[in-house]
Amino acid sequence: MQYDWPGNIRELRNTIERMIFLSDQSLINLTHLPDNLKDASSFTEIQKEEDSLQEARLIEETLQKTYGNKSAAADLLGISRGTLYNKIKEYGLN
């Protein structure tokens, strides 16, 4: 929704239909985009935001599973406790 589409509505519709057809999941995302659009810088920024949101959700879910035990959460996530603390601060997950 944040991308300024370079073509007409017919091209947009065809691209979306192609993404749906090629997807083996019930959800389509940026990985299903045609290669010529994946390189667009605005899509790169959107992908980074999506990745950050997914990482924040994963950390939050893991902290809930471990009842707030950061050492156990870091072990489950496969990262150091220091990295986990940095991520918690970065995403404001106190």
PDB file of N, CA and C in Angstrom:
ATOM      1  N   MET A   1       0.817  -1.196   0.000  1.00  0.00           N
ATOM      2  CA  MET A   1       0.000   0.000   0.000  1.00  0.00           C
ATOM      3  C   MET A   1       0.862   1.261   0.000  1.00  0.00           C
ATOM      4  N   GLN A   2       2.115   1.132   0.429  1.00  0.00           N
ATOM      5  CA  GLN A   2       2.988   2.296   0.492  1.00  0.00           C
ATOM      6  C   GLN A   2       3.733   2.530  -0.820  1.00  0.00           C
ATOM      7  N   TYR A   3       3.609   1.626  -1.753  1.00  0.00           N
ATOM      8  CA  TYR A   3       4.377   1.699  -2.993  1.00  0.00           C
ATOM      9  C   TYR A   3       3.602   2.447  -4.068  1.00  0.00           C
ATOM     10  N   ASP A   4       4.283   3.341  -4.755  1.00  0.00           N
ATOM     11  CA  ASP A   4       3.693   4.076  -5.863  1.00  0.00           C
ATOM     12  C   ASP A   4       3.822   3.214  -7.114  1.00  0.00           C
ATOM     13  N   TRP A   5       2.736   2.526  -7.476  1.00  0.00           N
ATOM     14  CA  TRP A   5       2.764   1.561  -8.581  1.00  0.00           C
ATOM     15  C   TRP A   5       3.113   2.254  -9.900  1.00  0.00           C
ATOM     16  N   PRO A   6       4.104   1.724 -10.656  1.00  0.00           N
ATOM     17  CA  PRO A   6       4.553   2.391 -11.873  1.00  0.00           C
ATOM     18  C   PRO A   6       3.666   2.137 -13.095  1.00  0.00           C
ATOM     19  N   GLY A   7       2.788   1.161 -13.031  1.00  0.00           N
ATOM     20  CA  GLY A   7       1.997   0.812 -14.203  1.00  0.00           C
ATOM     21  C   GLY A   7       0.533   1.188 -14.044  1.00  0.00           C
ATOM     22  N   ASN A   8      -0.282   0.587 -14.906  1.00  0.00           N
ATOM     23  CA  ASN A   8      -1.714   0.854 -14.832  1.00  0.00           C
ATOM     24  C   ASN A   8      -2.414  -0.207 -13.977  1.00  0.00           C
ATOM     25  N   ILE A   9      -3.687  -0.042 -13.775  1.00  0.00           N
ATOM     26  CA  ILE A   9      -4.443  -0.928 -12.888  1.00  0.00           C
ATOM     27  C   ILE A   9      -4.474  -2.362 -13.424  1.00  0.00           C
ATOM     28  N   ARG A  10      -4.481  -2.528 -14.737  1.00  0.00           N
ATOM     29  CA  ARG A  10      -4.479  -3.868 -15.332  1.00  0.00           C
ATOM     30  C   ARG A  10      -3.183  -4.607 -14.993  1.00  0.00           C
ATOM     31  N   GLU A  11      -2.059  -3.894 -15.057  1.00  0.00           N
ATOM     32  CA  GLU A  11      -0.768  -4.502 -14.713  1.00  0.00           C
ATOM     33  C   GLU A  11      -0.712  -4.867 -13.237  1.00  0.00           C
ATOM     34  N   LEU A  12      -1.266  -4.011 -12.395  1.00  0.00           N
ATOM     35  CA  LEU A  12      -1.315  -4.301 -10.964  1.00  0.00           C
ATOM     36  C   LEU A  12      -2.147  -5.553 -10.705  1.00  0.00           C
ATOM     37  N   ARG A  13      -3.308  -5.613 -11.338  1.00  0.00           N
ATOM     38  CA  ARG A  13      -4.185  -6.776 -11.166  1.00  0.00           C
ATOM     39  C   ARG A  13      -3.484  -8.054 -11.625  1.00  0.00           C
ATOM     40  N   ASN A  14      -2.836  -8.014 -12.777  1.00  0.00           N
ATOM     41  CA  ASN A  14      -2.126  -9.190 -13.286  1.00  0.00           C
ATOM     42  C   ASN A  14      -1.012  -9.626 -12.334  1.00  0.00           C
ATOM     43  N   THR A  15      -0.285  -8.666 -11.780  1.00  0.00           N
ATOM     44  CA  THR A  15       0.791  -8.983 -10.849  1.00  0.00           C
ATOM     45  C   THR A  15       0.243  -9.633  -9.587  1.00  0.00           C
ATOM     46  N   ILE A  16      -0.840  -9.096  -9.058  1.00  0.00           N
ATOM     47  CA  ILE A  16      -1.442  -9.666  -7.843  1.00  0.00           C
ATOM     48  C   ILE A  16      -1.961 -11.075  -8.120  1.00  0.00           C
ATOM     49  N   GLU A  17      -2.622 -11.265  -9.259  1.00  0.00           N
ATOM     50  CA  GLU A  17      -3.119 -12.603  -9.608  1.00  0.00           C
ATOM     51  C   GLU A  17      -1.971 -13.596  -9.745  1.00  0.00           C
ATOM     52  N   ARG A  18      -0.870 -13.146 -10.341  1.00  0.00           N
ATOM     53  CA  ARG A  18       0.303 -14.008 -10.485  1.00  0.00           C
ATOM     54  C   ARG A  18       0.866 -14.386  -9.117  1.00  0.00           C
ATOM     55  N   MET A  19       0.930 -13.417  -8.217  1.00  0.00           N
ATOM     56  CA  MET A  19       1.442 -13.681  -6.873  1.00  0.00           C
ATOM     57  C   MET A  19       0.562 -14.706  -6.154  1.00  0.00           C
ATOM     58  N   ILE A  20      -0.744 -14.575  -6.293  1.00  0.00           N
ATOM     59  CA  ILE A  20      -1.665 -15.513  -5.659  1.00  0.00           C
ATOM     60  C   ILE A  20      -1.487 -16.904  -6.262  1.00  0.00           C
ATOM     61  N   PHE A  21      -1.381 -16.976  -7.563  1.00  0.00           N
ATOM     62  CA  PHE A  21      -1.233 -18.253  -8.249  1.00  0.00           C
ATOM     63  C   PHE A  21       0.059 -18.966  -7.844  1.00  0.00           C
ATOM     64  N   LEU A  22       1.142 -18.222  -7.742  1.00  0.00           N
ATOM     65  CA  LEU A  22       2.445 -18.812  -7.432  1.00  0.00           C
ATOM     66  C   LEU A  22       2.658 -19.101  -5.952  1.00  0.00           C
ATOM     67  N   SER A  23       1.830 -18.533  -5.104  1.00  0.00           N
ATOM     68  CA  SER A  23       1.993 -18.723  -3.667  1.00  0.00           C
ATOM     69  C   SER A  23       1.489 -20.095  -3.254  1.00  0.00           C
ATOM     70  N   ASP A  24       2.253 -20.764  -2.401  1.00  0.00           N
ATOM     71  CA  ASP A  24       1.811 -22.045  -1.871  1.00  0.00           C
ATOM     72  C   ASP A  24       1.270 -21.884  -0.451  1.00  0.00           C
ATOM     73  N   GLN A  25       1.017 -20.656  -0.074  1.00  0.00           N
ATOM     74  CA  GLN A  25       0.529 -20.341   1.264  1.00  0.00           C
ATOM     75  C   GLN A  25      -0.802 -19.616   1.151  1.00  0.00           C
ATOM     76  N   SER A  26      -1.444 -19.433   2.288  1.00  0.00           N
ATOM     77  CA  SER A  26      -2.706 -18.697   2.278  1.00  0.00           C
ATOM     78  C   SER A  26      -2.468 -17.191   2.353  1.00  0.00           C
ATOM     79  N   LEU A  27      -1.208 -16.800   2.487  1.00  0.00           N
ATOM     80  CA  LEU A  27      -0.851 -15.391   2.598  1.00  0.00           C
ATOM     81  C   LEU A  27       0.229 -15.081   1.567  1.00  0.00           C
ATOM     82  N   ILE A  28       0.063 -13.977   0.854  1.00  0.00           N
ATOM     83  CA  ILE A  28       1.121 -13.558  -0.061  1.00  0.00           C
ATOM     84  C   ILE A  28       1.906 -12.430   0.589  1.00  0.00           C
ATOM     85  N   ASN A  29       3.189 -12.363   0.267  1.00  0.00           N
ATOM     86  CA  ASN A  29       4.027 -11.300   0.827  1.00  0.00           C
ATOM     87  C   ASN A  29       5.042 -10.854  -0.218  1.00  0.00           C
ATOM     88  N   LEU A  30       6.000 -10.072   0.202  1.00  0.00           N
ATOM     89  CA  LEU A  30       6.954  -9.485  -0.744  1.00  0.00           C
ATOM     90  C   LEU A  30       7.815 -10.516  -1.452  1.00  0.00           C
ATOM     91  N   THR A  31       7.982 -11.691  -0.871  1.00  0.00           N
ATOM     92  CA  THR A  31       8.798 -12.712  -1.528  1.00  0.00           C
ATOM     93  C   THR A  31       8.134 -13.230  -2.803  1.00  0.00           C
ATOM     94  N   HIS A  32       6.838 -13.032  -2.939  1.00  0.00           N
ATOM     95  CA  HIS A  32       6.109 -13.486  -4.117  1.00  0.00           C
ATOM     96  C   HIS A  32       6.123 -12.462  -5.259  1.00  0.00           C
ATOM     97  N   LEU A  33       6.723 -11.324  -5.035  1.00  0.00           N
ATOM     98  CA  LEU A  33       6.790 -10.291  -6.072  1.00  0.00           C
ATOM     99  C   LEU A  33       7.675 -10.723  -7.231  1.00  0.00           C
ATOM    100  N   PRO A  34       7.387 -10.239  -8.423  1.00  0.00           N
ATOM    101  CA  PRO A  34       8.296 -10.479  -9.551  1.00  0.00           C
ATOM    102  C   PRO A  34       9.663  -9.853  -9.256  1.00  0.00           C
ATOM    103  N   ASP A  35      10.707 -10.434  -9.815  1.00  0.00           N
ATOM    104  CA  ASP A  35      12.072  -9.980  -9.542  1.00  0.00           C
ATOM    105  C   ASP A  35      12.292  -8.504  -9.832  1.00  0.00           C
ATOM    106  N   ASN A  36      11.684  -7.986 -10.895  1.00  0.00           N
ATOM    107  CA  ASN A  36      11.919  -6.586 -11.241  1.00  0.00           C
ATOM    108  C   ASN A  36      11.366  -5.628 -10.184  1.00  0.00           C
ATOM    109  N   LEU A  37      10.421  -6.076  -9.382  1.00  0.00           N
ATOM    110  CA  LEU A  37       9.881  -5.225  -8.329  1.00  0.00           C
ATOM    111  C   LEU A  37      10.574  -5.440  -6.987  1.00  0.00           C
ATOM    112  N   LYS A  38      11.150  -6.612  -6.784  1.00  0.00           N
ATOM    113  CA  LYS A  38      11.846  -6.894  -5.527  1.00  0.00           C
ATOM    114  C   LYS A  38      13.028  -5.959  -5.319  1.00  0.00           C
ATOM    115  N   ASP A  39      13.622  -5.500  -6.403  1.00  0.00           N
ATOM    116  CA  ASP A  39      14.799  -4.646  -6.308  1.00  0.00           C
ATOM    117  C   ASP A  39      14.466  -3.195  -6.000  1.00  0.00           C
ATOM    118  N   ALA A  40      13.208  -2.834  -6.071  1.00  0.00           N
ATOM    119  CA  ALA A  40      12.813  -1.448  -5.804  1.00  0.00           C
ATOM    120  C   ALA A  40      13.133  -1.091  -4.361  1.00  0.00           C
ATOM    121  N   SER A  41      13.748   0.048  -4.144  1.00  0.00           N
ATOM    122  CA  SER A  41      14.206   0.425  -2.806  1.00  0.00           C
ATOM    123  C   SER A  41      13.060   0.548  -1.813  1.00  0.00           C
ATOM    124  N   SER A  42      11.896   0.994  -2.254  1.00  0.00           N
ATOM    125  CA  SER A  42      10.782   1.123  -1.316  1.00  0.00           C
ATOM    126  C   SER A  42      10.332  -0.245  -0.835  1.00  0.00           C
ATOM    127  N   PHE A  43      10.402  -1.266  -1.697  1.00  0.00           N
ATOM    128  CA  PHE A  43      10.054  -2.616  -1.270  1.00  0.00           C
ATOM    129  C   PHE A  43      11.086  -3.148  -0.292  1.00  0.00           C
ATOM    130  N   THR A  44      12.339  -2.803  -0.494  1.00  0.00           N
ATOM    131  CA  THR A  44      13.389  -3.226   0.432  1.00  0.00           C
ATOM    132  C   THR A  44      13.117  -2.664   1.822  1.00  0.00           C
ATOM    133  N   GLU A  45      12.741  -1.412   1.890  1.00  0.00           N
ATOM    134  CA  GLU A  45      12.425  -0.788   3.180  1.00  0.00           C
ATOM    135  C   GLU A  45      11.202  -1.439   3.822  1.00  0.00           C
ATOM    136  N   ILE A  46      10.185  -1.722   3.021  1.00  0.00           N
ATOM    137  CA  ILE A  46       8.983  -2.371   3.537  1.00  0.00           C
ATOM    138  C   ILE A  46       9.331  -3.753   4.065  1.00  0.00           C
ATOM    139  N   GLN A  47      10.186  -4.498   3.345  1.00  0.00           N
ATOM    140  CA  GLN A  47      10.592  -5.834   3.783  1.00  0.00           C
ATOM    141  C   GLN A  47      11.337  -5.750   5.110  1.00  0.00           C
ATOM    142  N   LYS A  48      12.197  -4.752   5.266  1.00  0.00           N
ATOM    143  CA  LYS A  48      12.915  -4.589   6.529  1.00  0.00           C
ATOM    144  C   LYS A  48      11.939  -4.343   7.673  1.00  0.00           C
ATOM    145  N   GLU A  49      10.921  -3.524   7.423  1.00  0.00           N
ATOM    146  CA  GLU A  49       9.912  -3.259   8.449  1.00  0.00           C
ATOM    147  C   GLU A  49       9.148  -4.531   8.798  1.00  0.00           C
ATOM    148  N   GLU A  50       8.787  -5.319   7.791  1.00  0.00           N
ATOM    149  CA  GLU A  50       8.085  -6.576   8.035  1.00  0.00           C
ATOM    150  C   GLU A  50       8.950  -7.530   8.841  1.00  0.00           C
ATOM    151  N   ASP A  51      10.228  -7.625   8.481  1.00  0.00           N
ATOM    152  CA  ASP A  51      11.148  -8.504   9.198  1.00  0.00           C
ATOM    153  C   ASP A  51      11.275  -8.078  10.655  1.00  0.00           C
ATOM    154  N   SER A  52      11.356  -6.778  10.891  1.00  0.00           N
ATOM    155  CA  SER A  52      11.455  -6.272  12.255  1.00  0.00           C
ATOM    156  C   SER A  52      10.199  -6.587  13.055  1.00  0.00           C
ATOM    157  N   LEU A  53       9.042  -6.416  12.442  1.00  0.00           N
ATOM    158  CA  LEU A  53       7.782  -6.733  13.124  1.00  0.00           C
ATOM    159  C   LEU A  53       7.704  -8.218  13.468  1.00  0.00           C
ATOM    160  N   GLN A  54       8.125  -9.070  12.548  1.00  0.00           N
ATOM    161  CA  GLN A  54       8.113 -10.507  12.797  1.00  0.00           C
ATOM    162  C   GLN A  54       9.081 -10.871  13.923  1.00  0.00           C
ATOM    163  N   GLU A  55      10.253 -10.254  13.905  1.00  0.00           N
ATOM    164  CA  GLU A  55      11.241 -10.527  14.951  1.00  0.00           C
ATOM    165  C   GLU A  55      10.715 -10.073  16.308  1.00  0.00           C
ATOM    166  N   ALA A  56      10.112  -8.898  16.360  1.00  0.00           N
ATOM    167  CA  ALA A  56       9.565  -8.389  17.614  1.00  0.00           C
ATOM    168  C   ALA A  56       8.469  -9.313  18.136  1.00  0.00           C
ATOM    169  N   ARG A  57       7.599  -9.790  17.252  1.00  0.00           N
ATOM    170  CA  ARG A  57       6.531 -10.717  17.663  1.00  0.00           C
ATOM    171  C   ARG A  57       7.103 -12.018  18.178  1.00  0.00           C
ATOM    172  N   LEU A  58       8.136 -12.540  17.503  1.00  0.00           N
ATOM    173  CA  LEU A  58       8.767 -13.781  17.923  1.00  0.00           C
ATOM    174  C   LEU A  58       9.394 -13.625  19.307  1.00  0.00           C
ATOM    175  N   ILE A  59      10.073 -12.529  19.529  1.00  0.00           N
ATOM    176  CA  ILE A  59      10.685 -12.280  20.840  1.00  0.00           C
ATOM    177  C   ILE A  59       9.603 -12.168  21.906  1.00  0.00           C
ATOM    178  N   GLU A  60       8.553 -11.431  21.605  1.00  0.00           N
ATOM    179  CA  GLU A  60       7.466 -11.260  22.561  1.00  0.00           C
ATOM    180  C   GLU A  60       6.807 -12.597  22.900  1.00  0.00           C
ATOM    181  N   GLU A  61       6.541 -13.421  21.895  1.00  0.00           N
ATOM    182  CA  GLU A  61       5.932 -14.736  22.118  1.00  0.00           C
ATOM    183  C   GLU A  61       6.856 -15.635  22.944  1.00  0.00           C
ATOM    184  N   THR A  62       8.147 -15.576  22.638  1.00  0.00           N
ATOM    185  CA  THR A  62       9.110 -16.403  23.364  1.00  0.00           C
ATOM    186  C   THR A  62       9.209 -15.961  24.818  1.00  0.00           C
ATOM    187  N   LEU A  63       9.190 -14.657  25.060  1.00  0.00           N
ATOM    188  CA  LEU A  63       9.203 -14.168  26.440  1.00  0.00           C
ATOM    189  C   LEU A  63       7.948 -14.609  27.191  1.00  0.00           C
ATOM    190  N   GLN A  64       6.817 -14.633  26.503  1.00  0.00           N
ATOM    191  CA  GLN A  64       5.585 -15.108  27.146  1.00  0.00           C
ATOM    192  C   GLN A  64       5.691 -16.593  27.476  1.00  0.00           C
ATOM    193  N   LYS A  65       6.241 -17.374  26.554  1.00  0.00           N
ATOM    194  CA  LYS A  65       6.403 -18.822  26.772  1.00  0.00           C
ATOM    195  C   LYS A  65       7.321 -19.116  27.950  1.00  0.00           C
ATOM    196  N   THR A  66       8.314 -18.254  28.141  1.00  0.00           N
ATOM    197  CA  THR A  66       9.283 -18.470  29.222  1.00  0.00           C
ATOM    198  C   THR A  66       8.938 -17.659  30.472  1.00  0.00           C
ATOM    199  N   TYR A  67       7.710 -17.119  30.479  1.00  0.00           N
ATOM    200  CA  TYR A  67       7.224 -16.332  31.619  1.00  0.00           C
ATOM    201  C   TYR A  67       8.181 -15.199  31.985  1.00  0.00           C
ATOM    202  N   GLY A  68       8.743 -14.568  30.952  1.00  0.00           N
ATOM    203  CA  GLY A  68       9.612 -13.415  31.154  1.00  0.00           C
ATOM    204  C   GLY A  68      11.055 -13.750  31.471  1.00  0.00           C
ATOM    205  N   ASN A  69      11.398 -15.022  31.488  1.00  0.00           N
ATOM    206  CA  ASN A  69      12.775 -15.435  31.779  1.00  0.00           C
ATOM    207  C   ASN A  69      13.632 -15.158  30.542  1.00  0.00           C
ATOM    208  N   LYS A  70      14.429 -14.115  30.617  1.00  0.00           N
ATOM    209  CA  LYS A  70      15.202 -13.672  29.460  1.00  0.00           C
ATOM    210  C   LYS A  70      16.310 -14.649  29.082  1.00  0.00           C
ATOM    211  N   SER A  71      16.917 -15.293  30.069  1.00  0.00           N
ATOM    212  CA  SER A  71      17.951 -16.288  29.764  1.00  0.00           C
ATOM    213  C   SER A  71      17.361 -17.454  28.989  1.00  0.00           C
ATOM    214  N   ALA A  72      16.214 -17.946  29.444  1.00  0.00           N
ATOM    215  CA  ALA A  72      15.558 -19.059  28.751  1.00  0.00           C
ATOM    216  C   ALA A  72      15.087 -18.627  27.369  1.00  0.00           C
ATOM    217  N   ALA A  73      14.569 -17.416  27.246  1.00  0.00           N
ATOM    218  CA  ALA A  73      14.106 -16.910  25.952  1.00  0.00           C
ATOM    219  C   ALA A  73      15.273 -16.792  24.982  1.00  0.00           C
ATOM    220  N   ALA A  74      16.396 -16.264  25.457  1.00  0.00           N
ATOM    221  CA  ALA A  74      17.580 -16.137  24.603  1.00  0.00           C
ATOM    222  C   ALA A  74      18.037 -17.512  24.124  1.00  0.00           C
ATOM    223  N   ASP A  75      18.025 -18.502  25.017  1.00  0.00           N
ATOM    224  CA  ASP A  75      18.407 -19.866  24.628  1.00  0.00           C
ATOM    225  C   ASP A  75      17.474 -20.414  23.551  1.00  0.00           C
ATOM    226  N   LEU A  76      16.175 -20.239  23.740  1.00  0.00           N
ATOM    227  CA  LEU A  76      15.205 -20.723  22.745  1.00  0.00           C
ATOM    228  C   LEU A  76      15.385 -20.028  21.397  1.00  0.00           C
ATOM    229  N   LEU A  77      15.706 -18.745  21.432  1.00  0.00           N
ATOM    230  CA  LEU A  77      15.881 -17.974  20.198  1.00  0.00           C
ATOM    231  C   LEU A  77      17.243 -18.195  19.551  1.00  0.00           C
ATOM    232  N   GLY A  78      18.159 -18.800  20.304  1.00  0.00           N
ATOM    233  CA  GLY A  78      19.497 -19.048  19.761  1.00  0.00           C
ATOM    234  C   GLY A  78      20.348 -17.799  19.673  1.00  0.00           C
ATOM    235  N   ILE A  79      20.113 -16.854  20.596  1.00  0.00           N
ATOM    236  CA  ILE A  79      20.897 -15.620  20.640  1.00  0.00           C
ATOM    237  C   ILE A  79      21.429 -15.422  22.049  1.00  0.00           C
ATOM    238  N   SER A  80      22.386 -14.532  22.198  1.00  0.00           N
ATOM    239  CA  SER A  80      22.927 -14.266  23.527  1.00  0.00           C
ATOM    240  C   SER A  80      21.934 -13.423  24.328  1.00  0.00           C
ATOM    241  N   ARG A  81      22.088 -13.451  25.628  1.00  0.00           N
ATOM    242  CA  ARG A  81      21.215 -12.658  26.488  1.00  0.00           C
ATOM    243  C   ARG A  81      21.396 -11.166  26.206  1.00  0.00           C
ATOM    244  N   GLY A  82      22.632 -10.765  25.942  1.00  0.00           N
ATOM    245  CA  GLY A  82      22.907  -9.362  25.617  1.00  0.00           C
ATOM    246  C   GLY A  82      22.184  -8.922  24.349  1.00  0.00           C
ATOM    247  N   THR A  83      22.197  -9.784  23.343  1.00  0.00           N
ATOM    248  CA  THR A  83      21.484  -9.478  22.097  1.00  0.00           C
ATOM    249  C   THR A  83      19.995  -9.371  22.365  1.00  0.00           C
ATOM    250  N   LEU A  84      19.475 -10.282  23.186  1.00  0.00           N
ATOM    251  CA  LEU A  84      18.053 -10.230  23.519  1.00  0.00           C
ATOM    252  C   LEU A  84      17.707  -8.919  24.220  1.00  0.00           C
ATOM    253  N   TYR A  85      18.533  -8.502  25.166  1.00  0.00           N
ATOM    254  CA  TYR A  85      18.287  -7.229  25.852  1.00  0.00           C
ATOM    255  C   TYR A  85      18.291  -6.059  24.866  1.00  0.00           C
ATOM    256  N   ASN A  86      19.235  -6.091  23.925  1.00  0.00           N
ATOM    257  CA  ASN A  86      19.285  -5.029  22.910  1.00  0.00           C
ATOM    258  C   ASN A  86      18.038  -5.012  22.043  1.00  0.00           C
ATOM    259  N   LYS A  87      17.574  -6.198  21.656  1.00  0.00           N
ATOM    260  CA  LYS A  87      16.363  -6.300  20.829  1.00  0.00           C
ATOM    261  C   LYS A  87      15.129  -5.833  21.603  1.00  0.00           C
ATOM    262  N   ILE A  88      15.061  -6.194  22.875  1.00  0.00           N
ATOM    263  CA  ILE A  88      13.929  -5.763  23.713  1.00  0.00           C
ATOM    264  C   ILE A  88      13.888  -4.248  23.788  1.00  0.00           C
ATOM    265  N   LYS A  89      15.052  -3.648  23.970  1.00  0.00           N
ATOM    266  CA  LYS A  89      15.128  -2.194  24.026  1.00  0.00           C
ATOM    267  C   LYS A  89      14.782  -1.576  22.671  1.00  0.00           C
ATOM    268  N   GLU A  90      15.332  -2.153  21.587  1.00  0.00           N
ATOM    269  CA  GLU A  90      15.090  -1.644  20.238  1.00  0.00           C
ATOM    270  C   GLU A  90      13.609  -1.654  19.882  1.00  0.00           C
ATOM    271  N   TYR A  91      12.908  -2.718  20.263  1.00  0.00           N
ATOM    272  CA  TYR A  91      11.486  -2.846  19.911  1.00  0.00           C
ATOM    273  C   TYR A  91      10.547  -2.348  21.003  1.00  0.00           C
ATOM    274  N   GLY A  92      11.103  -1.888  22.115  1.00  0.00           N
ATOM    275  CA  GLY A  92      10.270  -1.373  23.205  1.00  0.00           C
ATOM    276  C   GLY A  92       9.368  -2.427  23.799  1.00  0.00           C
ATOM    277  N   LEU A  93       9.938  -3.590  24.074  1.00  0.00           N
ATOM    278  CA  LEU A  93       9.146  -4.729  24.558  1.00  0.00           C
ATOM    279  C   LEU A  93       9.196  -4.918  26.072  1.00  0.00           C
ATOM    280  N   ASN A  94       9.397  -3.898  26.812  1.00  0.00           N
ATOM    281  CA  ASN A  94       9.512  -4.043  28.270  1.00  0.00           C
ATOM    282  C   ASN A  94       8.321  -4.643  28.876  1.00  0.00           C
TER     283      ASN A  94
END
